[in-house]
Amino acid sequence: MNCTKNHRYDSKFSSLPFDQGGTGRHHCPGCAYEKGFADGKVRKLNCDLGLDKLPESQAGTVRHKSTHAAYALGYLDGVIASYNP
């Protein structure tokens, strides 16, 4: 399954580190960010990135970017957002 969401071209992902290996390879950092944001918004204590369940993406600014870093950024943004409903 391939990601077709517009977040693949979001410039906020340009600063993520490159990652060409491991379990996150070719999975969509934009979707990882969204999952992290949702987990952070509820301040989930036990996080499971579930990278193997994310769609693939090789397009736009998310190409070869770290899904782990994207999840972590999303989690942080979600936690911050949880304080400002």
PDB file of N, CA and C in Angstrom:
ATOM      1  N   MET A   1       0.857  -1.170   0.000  1.00  0.00           N
ATOM      2  CA  MET A   1       0.000   0.000   0.000  1.00  0.00           C
ATOM      3  C   MET A   1       0.907   1.238   0.000  1.00  0.00           C
ATOM      4  N   ASN A   2       0.605   2.195  -0.845  1.00  0.00           N
ATOM      5  CA  ASN A   2       1.366   3.436  -0.937  1.00  0.00           C
ATOM      6  C   ASN A   2       0.567   4.603  -0.378  1.00  0.00           C
ATOM      7  N   CYS A   3       1.258   5.495   0.318  1.00  0.00           N
ATOM      8  CA  CYS A   3       0.628   6.692   0.854  1.00  0.00           C
ATOM      9  C   CYS A   3       0.366   7.675  -0.286  1.00  0.00           C
ATOM     10  N   THR A   4      -0.802   8.275  -0.270  1.00  0.00           N
ATOM     11  CA  THR A   4      -1.145   9.285  -1.274  1.00  0.00           C
ATOM     12  C   THR A   4      -1.520  10.616  -0.632  1.00  0.00           C
ATOM     13  N   LYS A   5      -1.261  10.760   0.673  1.00  0.00           N
ATOM     14  CA  LYS A   5      -1.626  11.986   1.385  1.00  0.00           C
ATOM     15  C   LYS A   5      -0.687  13.131   1.013  1.00  0.00           C
ATOM     16  N   ASN A   6      -1.192  14.344   1.093  1.00  0.00           N
ATOM     17  CA  ASN A   6      -0.405  15.531   0.754  1.00  0.00           C
ATOM     18  C   ASN A   6       0.738  15.793   1.726  1.00  0.00           C
ATOM     19  N   HIS A   7       0.697  15.194   2.915  1.00  0.00           N
ATOM     20  CA  HIS A   7       1.787  15.442   3.868  1.00  0.00           C
ATOM     21  C   HIS A   7       3.137  14.981   3.322  1.00  0.00           C
ATOM     22  N   ARG A   8       3.135  14.195   2.270  1.00  0.00           N
ATOM     23  CA  ARG A   8       4.390  13.740   1.663  1.00  0.00           C
ATOM     24  C   ARG A   8       5.222  14.907   1.147  1.00  0.00           C
ATOM     25  N   TYR A   9       4.579  16.051   0.964  1.00  0.00           N
ATOM     26  CA  TYR A   9       5.275  17.224   0.430  1.00  0.00           C
ATOM     27  C   TYR A   9       5.381  18.354   1.461  1.00  0.00           C
ATOM     28  N   ASP A  10       5.100  18.050   2.732  1.00  0.00           N
ATOM     29  CA  ASP A  10       5.148  19.066   3.785  1.00  0.00           C
ATOM     30  C   ASP A  10       6.603  19.409   4.091  1.00  0.00           C
ATOM     31  N   SER A  11       6.921  20.677   4.054  1.00  0.00           N
ATOM     32  CA  SER A  11       8.310  21.118   4.252  1.00  0.00           C
ATOM     33  C   SER A  11       8.825  20.855   5.669  1.00  0.00           C
ATOM     34  N   LYS A  12       7.935  20.632   6.640  1.00  0.00           N
ATOM     35  CA  LYS A  12       8.421  20.375   8.010  1.00  0.00           C
ATOM     36  C   LYS A  12       9.215  19.077   8.090  1.00  0.00           C
ATOM     37  N   PHE A  13       9.047  18.211   7.114  1.00  0.00           N
ATOM     38  CA  PHE A  13       9.779  16.951   7.115  1.00  0.00           C
ATOM     39  C   PHE A  13      11.157  17.068   6.476  1.00  0.00           C
ATOM     40  N   SER A  14      11.459  18.212   5.895  1.00  0.00           N
ATOM     41  CA  SER A  14      12.767  18.412   5.249  1.00  0.00           C
ATOM     42  C   SER A  14      13.918  18.309   6.236  1.00  0.00           C
ATOM     43  N   SER A  15      13.680  18.691   7.481  1.00  0.00           N
ATOM     44  CA  SER A  15      14.758  18.699   8.473  1.00  0.00           C
ATOM     45  C   SER A  15      14.955  17.355   9.169  1.00  0.00           C
ATOM     46  N   LEU A  16      14.119  16.370   8.867  1.00  0.00           N
ATOM     47  CA  LEU A  16      14.300  15.051   9.477  1.00  0.00           C
ATOM     48  C   LEU A  16      15.582  14.411   8.957  1.00  0.00           C
ATOM     49  N   PRO A  17      16.232  13.601   9.780  1.00  0.00           N
ATOM     50  CA  PRO A  17      17.455  12.935   9.311  1.00  0.00           C
ATOM     51  C   PRO A  17      17.145  11.878   8.245  1.00  0.00           C
ATOM     52  N   PHE A  18      18.123  11.661   7.382  1.00  0.00           N
ATOM     53  CA  PHE A  18      17.997  10.601   6.386  1.00  0.00           C
ATOM     54  C   PHE A  18      18.122   9.248   7.062  1.00  0.00           C
ATOM     55  N   ASP A  19      17.375   8.277   6.567  1.00  0.00           N
ATOM     56  CA  ASP A  19      17.444   6.918   7.091  1.00  0.00           C
ATOM     57  C   ASP A  19      17.138   5.969   5.951  1.00  0.00           C
ATOM     58  N   GLN A  20      18.133   5.214   5.553  1.00  0.00           N
ATOM     59  CA  GLN A  20      17.962   4.288   4.434  1.00  0.00           C
ATOM     60  C   GLN A  20      17.943   2.830   4.880  1.00  0.00           C
ATOM     61  N   GLY A  21      17.860   2.578   6.181  1.00  0.00           N
ATOM     62  CA  GLY A  21      17.911   1.195   6.625  1.00  0.00           C
ATOM     63  C   GLY A  21      16.944   0.897   7.742  1.00  0.00           C
ATOM     64  N   GLY A  22      16.915  -0.345   8.144  1.00  0.00           N
ATOM     65  CA  GLY A  22      16.099  -0.754   9.277  1.00  0.00           C
ATOM     66  C   GLY A  22      14.632  -0.921   8.947  1.00  0.00           C
ATOM     67  N   THR A  23      13.833  -1.063   9.999  1.00  0.00           N
ATOM     68  CA  THR A  23      12.421  -1.381   9.844  1.00  0.00           C
ATOM     69  C   THR A  23      11.594  -0.249   9.245  1.00  0.00           C
ATOM     70  N   GLY A  24      12.066   0.986   9.351  1.00  0.00           N
ATOM     71  CA  GLY A  24      11.304   2.112   8.822  1.00  0.00           C
ATOM     72  C   GLY A  24      11.547   2.395   7.352  1.00  0.00           C
ATOM     73  N   ARG A  25      12.466   1.681   6.745  1.00  0.00           N
ATOM     74  CA  ARG A  25      12.845   1.938   5.364  1.00  0.00           C
ATOM     75  C   ARG A  25      11.634   1.936   4.432  1.00  0.00           C
ATOM     76  N   HIS A  26      11.499   2.998   3.688  1.00  0.00           N
ATOM     77  CA  HIS A  26      10.469   3.202   2.671  1.00  0.00           C
ATOM     78  C   HIS A  26       9.061   3.389   3.219  1.00  0.00           C
ATOM     79  N   HIS A  27       8.896   3.383   4.530  1.00  0.00           N
ATOM     80  CA  HIS A  27       7.576   3.665   5.089  1.00  0.00           C
ATOM     81  C   HIS A  27       7.402   5.170   5.222  1.00  0.00           C
ATOM     82  N   CYS A  28       6.171   5.634   5.245  1.00  0.00           N
ATOM     83  CA  CYS A  28       5.877   7.062   5.155  1.00  0.00           C
ATOM     84  C   CYS A  28       6.114   7.802   6.481  1.00  0.00           C
ATOM     85  N   PRO A  29       7.094   8.707   6.513  1.00  0.00           N
ATOM     86  CA  PRO A  29       7.318   9.517   7.706  1.00  0.00           C
ATOM     87  C   PRO A  29       6.133  10.428   8.035  1.00  0.00           C
ATOM     88  N   GLY A  30       5.384  10.863   7.032  1.00  0.00           N
ATOM     89  CA  GLY A  30       4.202  11.684   7.283  1.00  0.00           C
ATOM     90  C   GLY A  30       3.155  10.919   8.079  1.00  0.00           C
ATOM     91  N   CYS A  31       2.963   9.664   7.736  1.00  0.00           N
ATOM     92  CA  CYS A  31       2.027   8.820   8.479  1.00  0.00           C
ATOM     93  C   CYS A  31       2.580   8.501   9.871  1.00  0.00           C
ATOM     94  N   ALA A  32       3.909   8.331   9.983  1.00  0.00           N
ATOM     95  CA  ALA A  32       4.526   8.107  11.292  1.00  0.00           C
ATOM     96  C   ALA A  32       4.326   9.335  12.175  1.00  0.00           C
ATOM     97  N   TYR A  33       4.463  10.525  11.599  1.00  0.00           N
ATOM     98  CA  TYR A  33       4.231  11.767  12.336  1.00  0.00           C
ATOM     99  C   TYR A  33       2.783  11.810  12.838  1.00  0.00           C
ATOM    100  N   GLU A  34       1.827  11.508  11.978  1.00  0.00           N
ATOM    101  CA  GLU A  34       0.413  11.538  12.367  1.00  0.00           C
ATOM    102  C   GLU A  34       0.131  10.560  13.504  1.00  0.00           C
ATOM    103  N   LYS A  35       0.730   9.364  13.435  1.00  0.00           N
ATOM    104  CA  LYS A  35       0.545   8.374  14.502  1.00  0.00           C
ATOM    105  C   LYS A  35       1.165   8.885  15.797  1.00  0.00           C
ATOM    106  N   GLY A  36       2.364   9.457  15.707  1.00  0.00           N
ATOM    107  CA  GLY A  36       3.019  10.024  16.882  1.00  0.00           C
ATOM    108  C   GLY A  36       2.213  11.161  17.483  1.00  0.00           C
ATOM    109  N   PHE A  37       1.655  12.009  16.629  1.00  0.00           N
ATOM    110  CA  PHE A  37       0.848  13.127  17.104  1.00  0.00           C
ATOM    111  C   PHE A  37      -0.371  12.615  17.869  1.00  0.00           C
ATOM    112  N   ALA A  38      -1.049  11.616  17.306  1.00  0.00           N
ATOM    113  CA  ALA A  38      -2.232  11.051  17.964  1.00  0.00           C
ATOM    114  C   ALA A  38      -1.858  10.428  19.307  1.00  0.00           C
ATOM    115  N   ASP A  39      -0.724   9.716  19.359  1.00  0.00           N
ATOM    116  CA  ASP A  39      -0.285   9.104  20.615  1.00  0.00           C
ATOM    117  C   ASP A  39       0.122  10.173  21.626  1.00  0.00           C
ATOM    118  N   GLY A  40       0.781  11.217  21.166  1.00  0.00           N
ATOM    119  CA  GLY A  40       1.193  12.291  22.054  1.00  0.00           C
ATOM    120  C   GLY A  40       0.023  13.098  22.575  1.00  0.00           C
ATOM    121  N   LYS A  41      -0.970  13.282  21.749  1.00  0.00           N
ATOM    122  CA  LYS A  41      -2.148  14.074  22.135  1.00  0.00           C
ATOM    123  C   LYS A  41      -2.856  13.465  23.342  1.00  0.00           C
ATOM    124  N   VAL A  42      -2.824  12.131  23.447  1.00  0.00           N
ATOM    125  CA  VAL A  42      -3.426  11.453  24.608  1.00  0.00           C
ATOM    126  C   VAL A  42      -2.351  11.059  25.628  1.00  0.00           C
ATOM    127  N   ARG A  43      -1.132  11.506  25.378  1.00  0.00           N
ATOM    128  CA  ARG A  43       0.022  11.239  26.242  1.00  0.00           C
ATOM    129  C   ARG A  43       0.168   9.752  26.545  1.00  0.00           C
ATOM    130  N   LYS A  44       0.089   8.982  25.492  1.00  0.00           N
ATOM    131  CA  LYS A  44       0.220   7.529  25.589  1.00  0.00           C
ATOM    132  C   LYS A  44       1.571   7.172  26.209  1.00  0.00           C
ATOM    133  N   LEU A  45       1.558   6.302  27.204  1.00  0.00           N
ATOM    134  CA  LEU A  45       2.782   5.958  27.925  1.00  0.00           C
ATOM    135  C   LEU A  45       3.583   4.849  27.252  1.00  0.00           C
ATOM    136  N   ASN A  46       2.921   3.888  26.684  1.00  0.00           N
ATOM    137  CA  ASN A  46       3.590   2.777  26.007  1.00  0.00           C
ATOM    138  C   ASN A  46       3.351   2.893  24.508  1.00  0.00           C
ATOM    139  N   CYS A  47       4.348   3.356  23.824  1.00  0.00           N
ATOM    140  CA  CYS A  47       4.194   3.630  22.395  1.00  0.00           C
ATOM    141  C   CYS A  47       4.687   2.464  21.549  1.00  0.00           C
ATOM    142  N   ASP A  48       3.949   2.177  20.522  1.00  0.00           N
ATOM    143  CA  ASP A  48       4.326   1.177  19.534  1.00  0.00           C
ATOM    144  C   ASP A  48       4.264   1.875  18.185  1.00  0.00           C
ATOM    145  N   LEU A  49       5.406   2.113  17.583  1.00  0.00           N
ATOM    146  CA  LEU A  49       5.442   2.834  16.321  1.00  0.00           C
ATOM    147  C   LEU A  49       4.680   2.101  15.224  1.00  0.00           C
ATOM    148  N   GLY A  50       4.678   0.799  15.250  1.00  0.00           N
ATOM    149  CA  GLY A  50       3.954   0.025  14.251  1.00  0.00           C
ATOM    150  C   GLY A  50       4.413   0.347  12.835  1.00  0.00           C
ATOM    151  N   LEU A  51       5.715   0.490  12.652  1.00  0.00           N
ATOM    152  CA  LEU A  51       6.238   0.897  11.353  1.00  0.00           C
ATOM    153  C   LEU A  51       5.859  -0.063  10.237  1.00  0.00           C
ATOM    154  N   ASP A  52       5.767  -1.337  10.568  1.00  0.00           N
ATOM    155  CA  ASP A  52       5.427  -2.322   9.543  1.00  0.00           C
ATOM    156  C   ASP A  52       3.990  -2.168   9.047  1.00  0.00           C
ATOM    157  N   LYS A  53       3.173  -1.406   9.761  1.00  0.00           N
ATOM    158  CA  LYS A  53       1.780  -1.199   9.359  1.00  0.00           C
ATOM    159  C   LYS A  53       1.585   0.110   8.593  1.00  0.00           C
ATOM    160  N   LEU A  54       2.628   0.948   8.539  1.00  0.00           N
ATOM    161  CA  LEU A  54       2.513   2.223   7.829  1.00  0.00           C
ATOM    162  C   LEU A  54       2.612   2.002   6.320  1.00  0.00           C
ATOM    163  N   PRO A  55       1.905   2.826   5.555  1.00  0.00           N
ATOM    164  CA  PRO A  55       2.040   2.708   4.108  1.00  0.00           C
ATOM    165  C   PRO A  55       3.429   3.147   3.656  1.00  0.00           C
ATOM    166  N   GLU A  56       3.803   2.748   2.479  1.00  0.00           N
ATOM    167  CA  GLU A  56       5.087   3.135   1.920  1.00  0.00           C
ATOM    168  C   GLU A  56       4.980   4.493   1.250  1.00  0.00           C
ATOM    169  N   SER A  57       6.114   5.185   1.177  1.00  0.00           N
ATOM    170  CA  SER A  57       6.167   6.448   0.447  1.00  0.00           C
ATOM    171  C   SER A  57       7.595   6.742   0.025  1.00  0.00           C
ATOM    172  N   GLN A  58       7.759   7.048  -1.225  1.00  0.00           N
ATOM    173  CA  GLN A  58       9.049   7.438  -1.782  1.00  0.00           C
ATOM    174  C   GLN A  58       8.904   8.753  -2.526  1.00  0.00           C
ATOM    175  N   ALA A  59       7.986   9.590  -2.082  1.00  0.00           N
ATOM    176  CA  ALA A  59       7.687  10.829  -2.802  1.00  0.00           C
ATOM    177  C   ALA A  59       7.961  12.046  -1.945  1.00  0.00           C
ATOM    178  N   GLY A  60       8.294  13.131  -2.596  1.00  0.00           N
ATOM    179  CA  GLY A  60       8.367  14.440  -1.953  1.00  0.00           C
ATOM    180  C   GLY A  60       9.406  14.562  -0.865  1.00  0.00           C
ATOM    181  N   THR A  61       9.109  15.383   0.124  1.00  0.00           N
ATOM    182  CA  THR A  61      10.059  15.698   1.190  1.00  0.00           C
ATOM    183  C   THR A  61      10.246  14.552   2.172  1.00  0.00           C
ATOM    184  N   VAL A  62       9.392  13.539   2.140  1.00  0.00           N
ATOM    185  CA  VAL A  62       9.533  12.418   3.070  1.00  0.00           C
ATOM    186  C   VAL A  62      10.452  11.322   2.525  1.00  0.00           C
ATOM    187  N   ARG A  63      10.886  11.454   1.291  1.00  0.00           N
ATOM    188  CA  ARG A  63      11.718  10.418   0.670  1.00  0.00           C
ATOM    189  C   ARG A  63      12.996  10.192   1.479  1.00  0.00           C
ATOM    190  N   HIS A  64      13.203   8.944   1.903  1.00  0.00           N
ATOM    191  CA  HIS A  64      14.383   8.515   2.654  1.00  0.00           C
ATOM    192  C   HIS A  64      14.565   9.238   3.992  1.00  0.00           C
ATOM    193  N   LYS A  65      13.483   9.717   4.572  1.00  0.00           N
ATOM    194  CA  LYS A  65      13.563  10.375   5.880  1.00  0.00           C
ATOM    195  C   LYS A  65      13.227   9.368   6.980  1.00  0.00           C
ATOM    196  N   SER A  66      13.685   9.640   8.184  1.00  0.00           N
ATOM    197  CA  SER A  66      13.517   8.733   9.309  1.00  0.00           C
ATOM    198  C   SER A  66      12.082   8.701   9.813  1.00  0.00           C
ATOM    199  N   THR A  67      11.491   7.521   9.773  1.00  0.00           N
ATOM    200  CA  THR A  67      10.144   7.363  10.329  1.00  0.00           C
ATOM    201  C   THR A  67      10.187   7.442  11.853  1.00  0.00           C
ATOM    202  N   HIS A  68      11.293   7.012  12.447  1.00  0.00           N
ATOM    203  CA  HIS A  68      11.434   7.100  13.907  1.00  0.00           C
ATOM    204  C   HIS A  68      11.449   8.557  14.356  1.00  0.00           C
ATOM    205  N   ALA A  69      12.237   9.378  13.664  1.00  0.00           N
ATOM    206  CA  ALA A  69      12.308  10.796  14.016  1.00  0.00           C
ATOM    207  C   ALA A  69      10.974  11.483  13.756  1.00  0.00           C
ATOM    208  N   ALA A  70      10.288  11.094  12.683  1.00  0.00           N
ATOM    209  CA  ALA A  70       8.984  11.683  12.365  1.00  0.00           C
ATOM    210  C   ALA A  70       7.972  11.354  13.452  1.00  0.00           C
ATOM    211  N   TYR A  71       7.966  10.101  13.911  1.00  0.00           N
ATOM    212  CA  TYR A  71       7.070   9.707  14.992  1.00  0.00           C
ATOM    213  C   TYR A  71       7.369  10.526  16.251  1.00  0.00           C
ATOM    214  N   ALA A  72       8.660  10.636  16.598  1.00  0.00           N
ATOM    215  CA  ALA A  72       9.058  11.369  17.799  1.00  0.00           C
ATOM    216  C   ALA A  72       8.646  12.837  17.717  1.00  0.00           C
ATOM    217  N   LEU A  73       8.828  13.450  16.560  1.00  0.00           N
ATOM    218  CA  LEU A  73       8.413  14.843  16.366  1.00  0.00           C
ATOM    219  C   LEU A  73       6.898  14.972  16.509  1.00  0.00           C
ATOM    220  N   GLY A  74       6.172  14.044  15.913  1.00  0.00           N
ATOM    221  CA  GLY A  74       4.716  14.046  16.039  1.00  0.00           C
ATOM    222  C   GLY A  74       4.271  13.863  17.475  1.00  0.00           C
ATOM    223  N   TYR A  75       4.950  12.962  18.199  1.00  0.00           N
ATOM    224  CA  TYR A  75       4.612  12.730  19.597  1.00  0.00           C
ATOM    225  C   TYR A  75       4.806  14.008  20.412  1.00  0.00           C
ATOM    226  N   LEU A  76       5.943  14.669  20.225  1.00  0.00           N
ATOM    227  CA  LEU A  76       6.209  15.913  20.933  1.00  0.00           C
ATOM    228  C   LEU A  76       5.164  16.973  20.599  1.00  0.00           C
ATOM    229  N   ASP A  77       4.869  17.135  19.325  1.00  0.00           N
ATOM    230  CA  ASP A  77       3.852  18.121  18.927  1.00  0.00           C
ATOM    231  C   ASP A  77       2.488  17.775  19.504  1.00  0.00           C
ATOM    232  N   GLY A  78       2.179  16.482  19.575  1.00  0.00           N
ATOM    233  CA  GLY A  78       0.904  16.046  20.149  1.00  0.00           C
ATOM    234  C   GLY A  78       0.809  16.332  21.632  1.00  0.00           C
ATOM    235  N   VAL A  79       1.898  16.084  22.359  1.00  0.00           N
ATOM    236  CA  VAL A  79       1.907  16.378  23.794  1.00  0.00           C
ATOM    237  C   VAL A  79       1.720  17.866  24.019  1.00  0.00           C
ATOM    238  N   ILE A  80       2.432  18.689  23.264  1.00  0.00           N
ATOM    239  CA  ILE A  80       2.267  20.142  23.385  1.00  0.00           C
ATOM    240  C   ILE A  80       0.835  20.560  23.086  1.00  0.00           C
ATOM    241  N   ALA A  81       0.263  19.983  22.041  1.00  0.00           N
ATOM    242  CA  ALA A  81      -1.119  20.302  21.665  1.00  0.00           C
ATOM    243  C   ALA A  81      -2.113  19.864  22.743  1.00  0.00           C
ATOM    244  N   SER A  82      -1.766  18.806  23.489  1.00  0.00           N
ATOM    245  CA  SER A  82      -2.694  18.321  24.526  1.00  0.00           C
ATOM    246  C   SER A  82      -2.887  19.338  25.641  1.00  0.00           C
ATOM    247  N   TYR A  83      -1.961  20.238  25.805  1.00  0.00           N
ATOM    248  CA  TYR A  83      -2.072  21.278  26.823  1.00  0.00           C
ATOM    249  C   TYR A  83      -2.863  22.485  26.344  1.00  0.00           C
ATOM    250  N   ASN A  84      -3.113  22.547  25.061  1.00  0.00           N
ATOM    251  CA  ASN A  84      -3.847  23.667  24.456  1.00  0.00           C
ATOM    252  C   ASN A  84      -5.015  23.150  23.626  1.00  0.00           C
ATOM    253  N   PRO A  85      -6.060  22.641  24.275  1.00  0.00           N
ATOM    254  CA  PRO A  85      -7.168  22.030  23.507  1.00  0.00           C
ATOM    255  C   PRO A  85      -7.902  22.980  22.604  1.00  0.00           C
TER     256      PRO A  85
END
